[in-house]
Amino acid sequence: MSYWNDKAEIIKHMEWIIAKNCSTETYNIGNYRYPVHFNKNGKWYKTSGNSLADVSYQDISSMYYEFGAHTLNIGDALIEIMEYLEQRNSSAMEDLIMYPEDED
């Protein structure tokens, strides 16, 4: 896997973990995967069931949750968290992500 594919996989799994911790007591559903909207190759999709969003790193910033009139840009938020973690503790992140070799 490449650096960007590894990063995309981590972000997609983090989004799935967040989404599966949603619950609706009004309808007695319990926990379920909150649907994430995303753009892939110029077409909009929405997850269903228990699936990961099928999105590349380039399209992660298009991922969002819809809460009535409100929107949570979960893709942008998770990219920002990954960048924070990379800056904060790059040695730990190297264990998670295959970094490209330095070009001198």
PDB file of N, CA and C in Angstrom:
ATOM      1  N   MET A   1       0.843  -1.201   0.000  1.00  0.00           N
ATOM      2  CA  MET A   1       0.000   0.000   0.000  1.00  0.00           C
ATOM      3  C   MET A   1       0.876   1.247   0.000  1.00  0.00           C
ATOM      4  N   SER A   2       0.344   2.311  -0.517  1.00  0.00           N
ATOM      5  CA  SER A   2       1.077   3.567  -0.537  1.00  0.00           C
ATOM      6  C   SER A   2       0.712   4.411   0.683  1.00  0.00           C
ATOM      7  N   TYR A   3       1.470   5.453   0.883  1.00  0.00           N
ATOM      8  CA  TYR A   3       1.224   6.397   1.976  1.00  0.00           C
ATOM      9  C   TYR A   3      -0.220   6.897   1.949  1.00  0.00           C
ATOM     10  N   TRP A   4      -0.705   7.343   0.795  1.00  0.00           N
ATOM     11  CA  TRP A   4      -2.046   7.924   0.701  1.00  0.00           C
ATOM     12  C   TRP A   4      -3.131   6.873   0.884  1.00  0.00           C
ATOM     13  N   ASN A   5      -2.908   5.659   0.378  1.00  0.00           N
ATOM     14  CA  ASN A   5      -3.873   4.581   0.594  1.00  0.00           C
ATOM     15  C   ASN A   5      -3.945   4.189   2.061  1.00  0.00           C
ATOM     16  N   ASP A   6      -2.774   4.105   2.726  1.00  0.00           N
ATOM     17  CA  ASP A   6      -2.751   3.789   4.159  1.00  0.00           C
ATOM     18  C   ASP A   6      -3.499   4.845   4.958  1.00  0.00           C
ATOM     19  N   LYS A   7      -3.231   6.086   4.632  1.00  0.00           N
ATOM     20  CA  LYS A   7      -3.886   7.198   5.330  1.00  0.00           C
ATOM     21  C   LYS A   7      -5.398   7.164   5.099  1.00  0.00           C
ATOM     22  N   ALA A   8      -5.814   6.895   3.878  1.00  0.00           N
ATOM     23  CA  ALA A   8      -7.244   6.809   3.558  1.00  0.00           C
ATOM     24  C   ALA A   8      -7.902   5.679   4.336  1.00  0.00           C
ATOM     25  N   GLU A   9      -7.242   4.524   4.442  1.00  0.00           N
ATOM     26  CA  GLU A   9      -7.807   3.391   5.177  1.00  0.00           C
ATOM     27  C   GLU A   9      -7.997   3.731   6.654  1.00  0.00           C
ATOM     28  N   ILE A  10      -7.023   4.383   7.248  1.00  0.00           N
ATOM     29  CA  ILE A  10      -7.141   4.777   8.656  1.00  0.00           C
ATOM     30  C   ILE A  10      -8.300   5.745   8.839  1.00  0.00           C
ATOM     31  N   ILE A  11      -8.402   6.737   7.973  1.00  0.00           N
ATOM     32  CA  ILE A  11      -9.479   7.729   8.075  1.00  0.00           C
ATOM     33  C   ILE A  11     -10.837   7.071   7.869  1.00  0.00           C
ATOM     34  N   LYS A  12     -10.954   6.181   6.886  1.00  0.00           N
ATOM     35  CA  LYS A  12     -12.236   5.501   6.646  1.00  0.00           C
ATOM     36  C   LYS A  12     -12.650   4.663   7.854  1.00  0.00           C
ATOM     37  N   HIS A  13     -11.694   4.002   8.499  1.00  0.00           N
ATOM     38  CA  HIS A  13     -12.025   3.213   9.689  1.00  0.00           C
ATOM     39  C   HIS A  13     -12.396   4.111  10.883  1.00  0.00           C
ATOM     40  N   MET A  14     -11.711   5.240  11.025  1.00  0.00           N
ATOM     41  CA  MET A  14     -12.086   6.172  12.098  1.00  0.00           C
ATOM     42  C   MET A  14     -13.500   6.700  11.878  1.00  0.00           C
ATOM     43  N   GLU A  15     -13.840   7.025  10.634  1.00  0.00           N
ATOM     44  CA  GLU A  15     -15.188   7.510  10.331  1.00  0.00           C
ATOM     45  C   GLU A  15     -16.217   6.435  10.659  1.00  0.00           C
ATOM     46  N   TRP A  16     -15.944   5.188  10.293  1.00  0.00           N
ATOM     47  CA  TRP A  16     -16.855   4.080  10.557  1.00  0.00           C
ATOM     48  C   TRP A  16     -17.071   3.892  12.060  1.00  0.00           C
ATOM     49  N   ILE A  17     -15.999   3.998  12.846  1.00  0.00           N
ATOM     50  CA  ILE A  17     -16.107   3.874  14.304  1.00  0.00           C
ATOM     51  C   ILE A  17     -17.007   4.969  14.863  1.00  0.00           C
ATOM     52  N   ILE A  18     -16.823   6.192  14.385  1.00  0.00           N
ATOM     53  CA  ILE A  18     -17.671   7.303  14.833  1.00  0.00           C
ATOM     54  C   ILE A  18     -19.124   7.037  14.448  1.00  0.00           C
ATOM     55  N   ALA A  19     -19.342   6.665  13.198  1.00  0.00           N
ATOM     56  CA  ALA A  19     -20.702   6.481  12.682  1.00  0.00           C
ATOM     57  C   ALA A  19     -21.437   5.326  13.353  1.00  0.00           C
ATOM     58  N   LYS A  20     -20.737   4.260  13.715  1.00  0.00           N
ATOM     59  CA  LYS A  20     -21.410   3.108  14.323  1.00  0.00           C
ATOM     60  C   LYS A  20     -21.777   3.355  15.781  1.00  0.00           C
ATOM     61  N   ASN A  21     -21.319   4.453  16.344  1.00  0.00           N
ATOM     62  CA  ASN A  21     -21.651   4.786  17.724  1.00  0.00           C
ATOM     63  C   ASN A  21     -22.828   5.736  17.819  1.00  0.00           C
ATOM     64  N   CYS A  22     -23.576   5.840  16.767  1.00  0.00           N
ATOM     65  CA  CYS A  22     -24.792   6.645  16.740  1.00  0.00           C
ATOM     66  C   CYS A  22     -25.952   5.787  17.225  1.00  0.00           C
ATOM     67  N   SER A  23     -26.906   6.397  17.914  1.00  0.00           N
ATOM     68  CA  SER A  23     -28.083   5.641  18.350  1.00  0.00           C
ATOM     69  C   SER A  23     -29.323   6.512  18.258  1.00  0.00           C
ATOM     70  N   THR A  24     -30.452   5.861  18.106  1.00  0.00           N
ATOM     71  CA  THR A  24     -31.737   6.543  18.054  1.00  0.00           C
ATOM     72  C   THR A  24     -32.697   5.810  18.981  1.00  0.00           C
ATOM     73  N   GLU A  25     -32.975   6.415  20.109  1.00  0.00           N
ATOM     74  CA  GLU A  25     -33.881   5.776  21.056  1.00  0.00           C
ATOM     75  C   GLU A  25     -35.341   5.987  20.684  1.00  0.00           C
ATOM     76  N   THR A  26     -35.633   7.059  19.949  1.00  0.00           N
ATOM     77  CA  THR A  26     -37.009   7.352  19.557  1.00  0.00           C
ATOM     78  C   THR A  26     -37.627   6.197  18.791  1.00  0.00           C
ATOM     79  N   TYR A  27     -36.854   5.595  17.901  1.00  0.00           N
ATOM     80  CA  TYR A  27     -37.359   4.508  17.074  1.00  0.00           C
ATOM     81  C   TYR A  27     -36.936   3.137  17.590  1.00  0.00           C
ATOM     82  N   ASN A  28     -36.334   3.100  18.776  1.00  0.00           N
ATOM     83  CA  ASN A  28     -35.911   1.856  19.411  1.00  0.00           C
ATOM     84  C   ASN A  28     -34.980   1.045  18.499  1.00  0.00           C
ATOM     85  N   ILE A  29     -34.088   1.745  17.800  1.00  0.00           N
ATOM     86  CA  ILE A  29     -33.154   1.108  16.881  1.00  0.00           C
ATOM     87  C   ILE A  29     -31.883   0.677  17.612  1.00  0.00           C
ATOM     88  N   GLY A  30     -31.498   1.430  18.641  1.00  0.00           N
ATOM     89  CA  GLY A  30     -30.215   1.171  19.289  1.00  0.00           C
ATOM     90  C   GLY A  30     -29.097   1.732  18.439  1.00  0.00           C
ATOM     91  N   ASN A  31     -27.932   1.126  18.502  1.00  0.00           N
ATOM     92  CA  ASN A  31     -26.801   1.609  17.711  1.00  0.00           C
ATOM     93  C   ASN A  31     -26.939   1.188  16.258  1.00  0.00           C
ATOM     94  N   TYR A  32     -26.538   2.070  15.381  1.00  0.00           N
ATOM     95  CA  TYR A  32     -26.509   1.780  13.949  1.00  0.00           C
ATOM     96  C   TYR A  32     -25.447   2.647  13.307  1.00  0.00           C
ATOM     97  N   ARG A  33     -25.103   2.360  12.076  1.00  0.00           N
ATOM     98  CA  ARG A  33     -24.089   3.139  11.370  1.00  0.00           C
ATOM     99  C   ARG A  33     -24.745   4.369  10.753  1.00  0.00           C
ATOM    100  N   TYR A  34     -24.365   5.556  11.248  1.00  0.00           N
ATOM    101  CA  TYR A  34     -24.918   6.780  10.680  1.00  0.00           C
ATOM    102  C   TYR A  34     -24.392   6.929   9.257  1.00  0.00           C
ATOM    103  N   PRO A  35     -25.258   7.226   8.292  1.00  0.00           N
ATOM    104  CA  PRO A  35     -24.797   7.298   6.895  1.00  0.00           C
ATOM    105  C   PRO A  35     -23.916   8.515   6.627  1.00  0.00           C
ATOM    106  N   VAL A  36     -22.839   8.282   5.925  1.00  0.00           N
ATOM    107  CA  VAL A  36     -21.960   9.368   5.504  1.00  0.00           C
ATOM    108  C   VAL A  36     -22.153   9.559   4.005  1.00  0.00           C
ATOM    109  N   HIS A  37     -22.246  10.809   3.591  1.00  0.00           N
ATOM    110  CA  HIS A  37     -22.344  11.168   2.175  1.00  0.00           C
ATOM    111  C   HIS A  37     -20.930  11.441   1.671  1.00  0.00           C
ATOM    112  N   PHE A  38     -20.657  11.056   0.420  1.00  0.00           N
ATOM    113  CA  PHE A  38     -19.344  11.333  -0.149  1.00  0.00           C
ATOM    114  C   PHE A  38     -19.421  11.350  -1.670  1.00  0.00           C
ATOM    115  N   ASN A  39     -18.458  12.029  -2.263  1.00  0.00           N
ATOM    116  CA  ASN A  39     -18.364  12.136  -3.709  1.00  0.00           C
ATOM    117  C   ASN A  39     -17.246  11.227  -4.184  1.00  0.00           C
ATOM    118  N   LYS A  40     -17.549  10.414  -5.191  1.00  0.00           N
ATOM    119  CA  LYS A  40     -16.543   9.532  -5.773  1.00  0.00           C
ATOM    120  C   LYS A  40     -16.641   9.655  -7.290  1.00  0.00           C
ATOM    121  N   ASN A  41     -15.568  10.111  -7.880  1.00  0.00           N
ATOM    122  CA  ASN A  41     -15.509  10.267  -9.342  1.00  0.00           C
ATOM    123  C   ASN A  41     -16.650  11.136  -9.866  1.00  0.00           C
ATOM    124  N   GLY A  42     -16.975  12.198  -9.133  1.00  0.00           N
ATOM    125  CA  GLY A  42     -17.995  13.140  -9.583  1.00  0.00           C
ATOM    126  C   GLY A  42     -19.431  12.738  -9.299  1.00  0.00           C
ATOM    127  N   LYS A  43     -19.643  11.614  -8.633  1.00  0.00           N
ATOM    128  CA  LYS A  43     -20.995  11.151  -8.313  1.00  0.00           C
ATOM    129  C   LYS A  43     -21.149  11.032  -6.794  1.00  0.00           C
ATOM    130  N   TRP A  44     -22.317  11.435  -6.279  1.00  0.00           N
ATOM    131  CA  TRP A  44     -22.561  11.400  -4.833  1.00  0.00           C
ATOM    132  C   TRP A  44     -23.130  10.060  -4.400  1.00  0.00           C
ATOM    133  N   TYR A  45     -22.626   9.582  -3.249  1.00  0.00           N
ATOM    134  CA  TYR A  45     -23.054   8.315  -2.666  1.00  0.00           C
ATOM    135  C   TYR A  45     -23.368   8.529  -1.188  1.00  0.00           C
ATOM    136  N   LYS A  46     -24.049   7.537  -0.598  1.00  0.00           N
ATOM    137  CA  LYS A  46     -24.326   7.527   0.834  1.00  0.00           C
ATOM    138  C   LYS A  46     -24.153   6.093   1.305  1.00  0.00           C
ATOM    139  N   THR A  47     -23.413   5.905   2.405  1.00  0.00           N
ATOM    140  CA  THR A  47     -23.221   4.557   2.917  1.00  0.00           C
ATOM    141  C   THR A  47     -24.539   4.006   3.437  1.00  0.00           C
ATOM    142  N   SER A  48     -24.615   2.692   3.448  1.00  0.00           N
ATOM    143  CA  SER A  48     -25.777   2.029   4.032  1.00  0.00           C
ATOM    144  C   SER A  48     -25.290   0.789   4.762  1.00  0.00           C
ATOM    145  N   GLY A  49     -26.087   0.312   5.685  1.00  0.00           N
ATOM    146  CA  GLY A  49     -25.694  -0.868   6.438  1.00  0.00           C
ATOM    147  C   GLY A  49     -24.465  -0.614   7.277  1.00  0.00           C
ATOM    148  N   ASN A  50     -23.573  -1.572   7.294  1.00  0.00           N
ATOM    149  CA  ASN A  50     -22.403  -1.506   8.162  1.00  0.00           C
ATOM    150  C   ASN A  50     -21.110  -1.334   7.368  1.00  0.00           C
ATOM    151  N   SER A  51     -21.198  -0.714   6.211  1.00  0.00           N
ATOM    152  CA  SER A  51     -20.054  -0.652   5.299  1.00  0.00           C
ATOM    153  C   SER A  51     -19.165   0.569   5.522  1.00  0.00           C
ATOM    154  N   LEU A  52     -17.906   0.422   5.110  1.00  0.00           N
ATOM    155  CA  LEU A  52     -16.983   1.551   5.059  1.00  0.00           C
ATOM    156  C   LEU A  52     -17.303   2.372   3.821  1.00  0.00           C
ATOM    157  N   ALA A  53     -17.043   3.652   3.889  1.00  0.00           N
ATOM    158  CA  ALA A  53     -17.196   4.500   2.706  1.00  0.00           C
ATOM    159  C   ALA A  53     -16.144   4.083   1.678  1.00  0.00           C
ATOM    160  N   ASP A  54     -16.564   3.850   0.459  1.00  0.00           N
ATOM    161  CA  ASP A  54     -15.660   3.453  -0.621  1.00  0.00           C
ATOM    162  C   ASP A  54     -15.130   4.715  -1.298  1.00  0.00           C
ATOM    163  N   VAL A  55     -14.143   5.329  -0.658  1.00  0.00           N
ATOM    164  CA  VAL A  55     -13.664   6.630  -1.106  1.00  0.00           C
ATOM    165  C   VAL A  55     -12.137   6.646  -1.071  1.00  0.00           C
ATOM    166  N   SER A  56     -11.526   7.315  -2.042  1.00  0.00           N
ATOM    167  CA  SER A  56     -10.069   7.453  -2.082  1.00  0.00           C
ATOM    168  C   SER A  56      -9.658   8.649  -1.222  1.00  0.00           C
ATOM    169  N   TYR A  57      -8.349   8.764  -0.978  1.00  0.00           N
ATOM    170  CA  TYR A  57      -7.872   9.881  -0.156  1.00  0.00           C
ATOM    171  C   TYR A  57      -8.262  11.225  -0.772  1.00  0.00           C
ATOM    172  N   GLN A  58      -8.207  11.326  -2.089  1.00  0.00           N
ATOM    173  CA  GLN A  58      -8.529  12.592  -2.756  1.00  0.00           C
ATOM    174  C   GLN A  58      -9.963  13.037  -2.484  1.00  0.00           C
ATOM    175  N   ASP A  59     -10.860  12.083  -2.239  1.00  0.00           N
ATOM    176  CA  ASP A  59     -12.274  12.410  -2.047  1.00  0.00           C
ATOM    177  C   ASP A  59     -12.726  12.412  -0.583  1.00  0.00           C
ATOM    178  N   ILE A  60     -11.814  12.136   0.331  1.00  0.00           N
ATOM    179  CA  ILE A  60     -12.203  12.091   1.752  1.00  0.00           C
ATOM    180  C   ILE A  60     -12.765  13.421   2.226  1.00  0.00           C
ATOM    181  N   SER A  61     -12.234  14.526   1.734  1.00  0.00           N
ATOM    182  CA  SER A  61     -12.735  15.832   2.184  1.00  0.00           C
ATOM    183  C   SER A  61     -14.189  16.071   1.787  1.00  0.00           C
ATOM    184  N   SER A  62     -14.734  15.251   0.887  1.00  0.00           N
ATOM    185  CA  SER A  62     -16.148  15.399   0.505  1.00  0.00           C
ATOM    186  C   SER A  62     -17.088  14.695   1.491  1.00  0.00           C
ATOM    187  N   MET A  63     -16.548  13.900   2.415  1.00  0.00           N
ATOM    188  CA  MET A  63     -17.384  13.121   3.335  1.00  0.00           C
ATOM    189  C   MET A  63     -18.065  14.040   4.363  1.00  0.00           C
ATOM    190  N   TYR A  64     -19.381  13.840   4.512  1.00  0.00           N
ATOM    191  CA  TYR A  64     -20.098  14.646   5.505  1.00  0.00           C
ATOM    192  C   TYR A  64     -21.304  13.896   6.041  1.00  0.00           C
ATOM    193  N   TYR A  65     -21.732  14.308   7.252  1.00  0.00           N
ATOM    194  CA  TYR A  65     -22.967  13.823   7.851  1.00  0.00           C
ATOM    195  C   TYR A  65     -24.005  14.924   7.742  1.00  0.00           C
ATOM    196  N   GLU A  66     -25.230  14.543   7.528  1.00  0.00           N
ATOM    197  CA  GLU A  66     -26.355  15.477   7.464  1.00  0.00           C
ATOM    198  C   GLU A  66     -27.193  15.320   8.724  1.00  0.00           C
ATOM    199  N   PHE A  67     -27.374  16.407   9.452  1.00  0.00           N
ATOM    200  CA  PHE A  67     -28.208  16.422  10.654  1.00  0.00           C
ATOM    201  C   PHE A  67     -29.284  17.477  10.455  1.00  0.00           C
ATOM    202  N   GLY A  68     -30.335  17.147   9.752  1.00  0.00           N
ATOM    203  CA  GLY A  68     -31.367  18.144   9.458  1.00  0.00           C
ATOM    204  C   GLY A  68     -30.775  19.269   8.635  1.00  0.00           C
ATOM    205  N   ALA A  69     -30.827  20.485   9.178  1.00  0.00           N
ATOM    206  CA  ALA A  69     -30.279  21.643   8.476  1.00  0.00           C
ATOM    207  C   ALA A  69     -28.773  21.787   8.682  1.00  0.00           C
ATOM    208  N   HIS A  70     -28.190  20.933   9.492  1.00  0.00           N
ATOM    209  CA  HIS A  70     -26.769  21.036   9.830  1.00  0.00           C
ATOM    210  C   HIS A  70     -25.953  19.983   9.086  1.00  0.00           C
ATOM    211  N   THR A  71     -24.686  20.312   8.878  1.00  0.00           N
ATOM    212  CA  THR A  71     -23.757  19.414   8.214  1.00  0.00           C
ATOM    213  C   THR A  71     -22.488  19.327   9.040  1.00  0.00           C
ATOM    214  N   LEU A  72     -21.966  18.117   9.199  1.00  0.00           N
ATOM    215  CA  LEU A  72     -20.675  17.905   9.846  1.00  0.00           C
ATOM    216  C   LEU A  72     -19.730  17.371   8.786  1.00  0.00           C
ATOM    217  N   ASN A  73     -18.707  18.132   8.457  1.00  0.00           N
ATOM    218  CA  ASN A  73     -17.721  17.735   7.454  1.00  0.00           C
ATOM    219  C   ASN A  73     -16.717  16.780   8.087  1.00  0.00           C
ATOM    220  N   ILE A  74     -17.141  15.529   8.252  1.00  0.00           N
ATOM    221  CA  ILE A  74     -16.346  14.527   8.953  1.00  0.00           C
ATOM    222  C   ILE A  74     -15.044  14.212   8.229  1.00  0.00           C
ATOM    223  N   GLY A  75     -15.031  14.240   6.922  1.00  0.00           N
ATOM    224  CA  GLY A  75     -13.795  13.984   6.173  1.00  0.00           C
ATOM    225  C   GLY A  75     -12.729  15.017   6.480  1.00  0.00           C
ATOM    226  N   ASP A  76     -13.104  16.298   6.417  1.00  0.00           N
ATOM    227  CA  ASP A  76     -12.154  17.367   6.732  1.00  0.00           C
ATOM    228  C   ASP A  76     -11.680  17.271   8.179  1.00  0.00           C
ATOM    229  N   ALA A  77     -12.596  16.949   9.094  1.00  0.00           N
ATOM    230  CA  ALA A  77     -12.240  16.837  10.509  1.00  0.00           C
ATOM    231  C   ALA A  77     -11.237  15.710  10.729  1.00  0.00           C
ATOM    232  N   LEU A  78     -11.450  14.566  10.085  1.00  0.00           N
ATOM    233  CA  LEU A  78     -10.539  13.437  10.274  1.00  0.00           C
ATOM    234  C   LEU A  78      -9.184  13.683   9.618  1.00  0.00           C
ATOM    235  N   ILE A  79      -9.161  14.375   8.502  1.00  0.00           N
ATOM    236  CA  ILE A  79      -7.881  14.762   7.892  1.00  0.00           C
ATOM    237  C   ILE A  79      -7.121  15.678   8.845  1.00  0.00           C
ATOM    238  N   GLU A  80      -7.825  16.620   9.448  1.00  0.00           N
ATOM    239  CA  GLU A  80      -7.197  17.547  10.393  1.00  0.00           C
ATOM    240  C   GLU A  80      -6.649  16.797  11.616  1.00  0.00           C
ATOM    241  N   ILE A  81      -7.387  15.814  12.110  1.00  0.00           N
ATOM    242  CA  ILE A  81      -6.923  15.008  13.244  1.00  0.00           C
ATOM    243  C   ILE A  81      -5.672  14.221  12.861  1.00  0.00           C
ATOM    244  N   MET A  82      -5.680  13.609  11.674  1.00  0.00           N
ATOM    245  CA  MET A  82      -4.497  12.865  11.221  1.00  0.00           C
ATOM    246  C   MET A  82      -3.277  13.780  11.112  1.00  0.00           C
ATOM    247  N   GLU A  83      -3.460  14.978  10.570  1.00  0.00           N
ATOM    248  CA  GLU A  83      -2.348  15.926  10.454  1.00  0.00           C
ATOM    249  C   GLU A  83      -1.842  16.327  11.832  1.00  0.00           C
ATOM    250  N   TYR A  84      -2.752  16.535  12.768  1.00  0.00           N
ATOM    251  CA  TYR A  84      -2.368  16.871  14.143  1.00  0.00           C
ATOM    252  C   TYR A  84      -1.540  15.739  14.750  1.00  0.00           C
ATOM    253  N   LEU A  85      -2.010  14.495  14.596  1.00  0.00           N
ATOM    254  CA  LEU A  85      -1.295  13.352  15.158  1.00  0.00           C
ATOM    255  C   LEU A  85       0.076  13.180  14.510  1.00  0.00           C
ATOM    256  N   GLU A  86       0.164  13.420  13.207  1.00  0.00           N
ATOM    257  CA  GLU A  86       1.455  13.313  12.517  1.00  0.00           C
ATOM    258  C   GLU A  86       2.439  14.352  13.034  1.00  0.00           C
ATOM    259  N   GLN A  87       1.956  15.568  13.274  1.00  0.00           N
ATOM    260  CA  GLN A  87       2.824  16.630  13.792  1.00  0.00           C
ATOM    261  C   GLN A  87       3.192  16.376  15.246  1.00  0.00           C
ATOM    262  N   ARG A  88       2.253  15.873  16.007  1.00  0.00           N
ATOM    263  CA  ARG A  88       2.428  15.677  17.441  1.00  0.00           C
ATOM    264  C   ARG A  88       3.356  14.496  17.746  1.00  0.00           C
ATOM    265  N   ASN A  89       3.218  13.423  17.005  1.00  0.00           N
ATOM    266  CA  ASN A  89       3.979  12.219  17.314  1.00  0.00           C
ATOM    267  C   ASN A  89       4.297  11.468  16.025  1.00  0.00           C
ATOM    268  N   SER A  90       5.225  11.986  15.278  1.00  0.00           N
ATOM    269  CA  SER A  90       5.517  11.400  13.969  1.00  0.00           C
ATOM    270  C   SER A  90       6.063   9.981  14.070  1.00  0.00           C
ATOM    271  N   SER A  91       6.794   9.648  15.133  1.00  0.00           N
ATOM    272  CA  SER A  91       7.348   8.290  15.234  1.00  0.00           C
ATOM    273  C   SER A  91       6.244   7.254  15.419  1.00  0.00           C
ATOM    274  N   ALA A  92       5.196   7.583  16.177  1.00  0.00           N
ATOM    275  CA  ALA A  92       4.076   6.651  16.345  1.00  0.00           C
ATOM    276  C   ALA A  92       3.298   6.508  15.043  1.00  0.00           C
ATOM    277  N   MET A  93       3.163   7.586  14.305  1.00  0.00           N
ATOM    278  CA  MET A  93       2.434   7.549  13.049  1.00  0.00           C
ATOM    279  C   MET A  93       3.189   6.730  11.993  1.00  0.00           C
ATOM    280  N   GLU A  94       4.510   6.713  12.079  1.00  0.00           N
ATOM    281  CA  GLU A  94       5.288   5.924  11.126  1.00  0.00           C
ATOM    282  C   GLU A  94       4.949   4.444  11.231  1.00  0.00           C
ATOM    283  N   ASP A  95       4.542   4.003  12.417  1.00  0.00           N
ATOM    284  CA  ASP A  95       4.139   2.613  12.592  1.00  0.00           C
ATOM    285  C   ASP A  95       2.800   2.328  11.913  1.00  0.00           C
ATOM    286  N   LEU A  96       1.971   3.354  11.735  1.00  0.00           N
ATOM    287  CA  LEU A  96       0.652   3.188  11.134  1.00  0.00           C
ATOM    288  C   LEU A  96       0.636   3.428   9.633  1.00  0.00           C
ATOM    289  N   ILE A  97       1.468   4.344   9.178  1.00  0.00           N
ATOM    290  CA  ILE A  97       1.439   4.769   7.779  1.00  0.00           C
ATOM    291  C   ILE A  97       2.799   4.530   7.137  1.00  0.00           C
ATOM    292  N   MET A  98       2.801   4.019   5.928  1.00  0.00           N
ATOM    293  CA  MET A  98       4.030   3.852   5.168  1.00  0.00           C
ATOM    294  C   MET A  98       4.368   5.212   4.561  1.00  0.00           C
ATOM    295  N   TYR A  99       5.411   5.855   5.076  1.00  0.00           N
ATOM    296  CA  TYR A  99       5.787   7.168   4.584  1.00  0.00           C
ATOM    297  C   TYR A  99       6.589   7.042   3.292  1.00  0.00           C
ATOM    298  N   PRO A 100       6.404   8.008   2.367  1.00  0.00           N
ATOM    299  CA  PRO A 100       7.225   7.981   1.150  1.00  0.00           C
ATOM    300  C   PRO A 100       8.676   8.251   1.515  1.00  0.00           C
ATOM    301  N   GLU A 101       9.592   7.685   0.750  1.00  0.00           N
ATOM    302  CA  GLU A 101      11.005   7.905   1.018  1.00  0.00           C
ATOM    303  C   GLU A 101      11.352   9.344   0.687  1.00  0.00           C
ATOM    304  N   ASP A 102      12.253   9.901   1.517  1.00  0.00           N
ATOM    305  CA  ASP A 102      12.698  11.280   1.294  1.00  0.00           C
ATOM    306  C   ASP A 102      13.427  11.380  -0.028  1.00  0.00           C
ATOM    307  N   GLU A 103      13.145  12.448  -0.742  1.00  0.00           N
ATOM    308  CA  GLU A 103      13.834  12.703  -1.998  1.00  0.00           C
ATOM    309  C   GLU A 103      14.764  13.872  -1.788  1.00  0.00           C
ATOM    310  N   ASP A 104      16.063  13.634  -1.860  1.00  0.00           N
ATOM    311  CA  ASP A 104      17.043  14.712  -1.654  1.00  0.00           C
ATOM    312  C   ASP A 104      17.473  15.317  -2.972  1.00  0.00           C
TER     313      ASP A 104
END
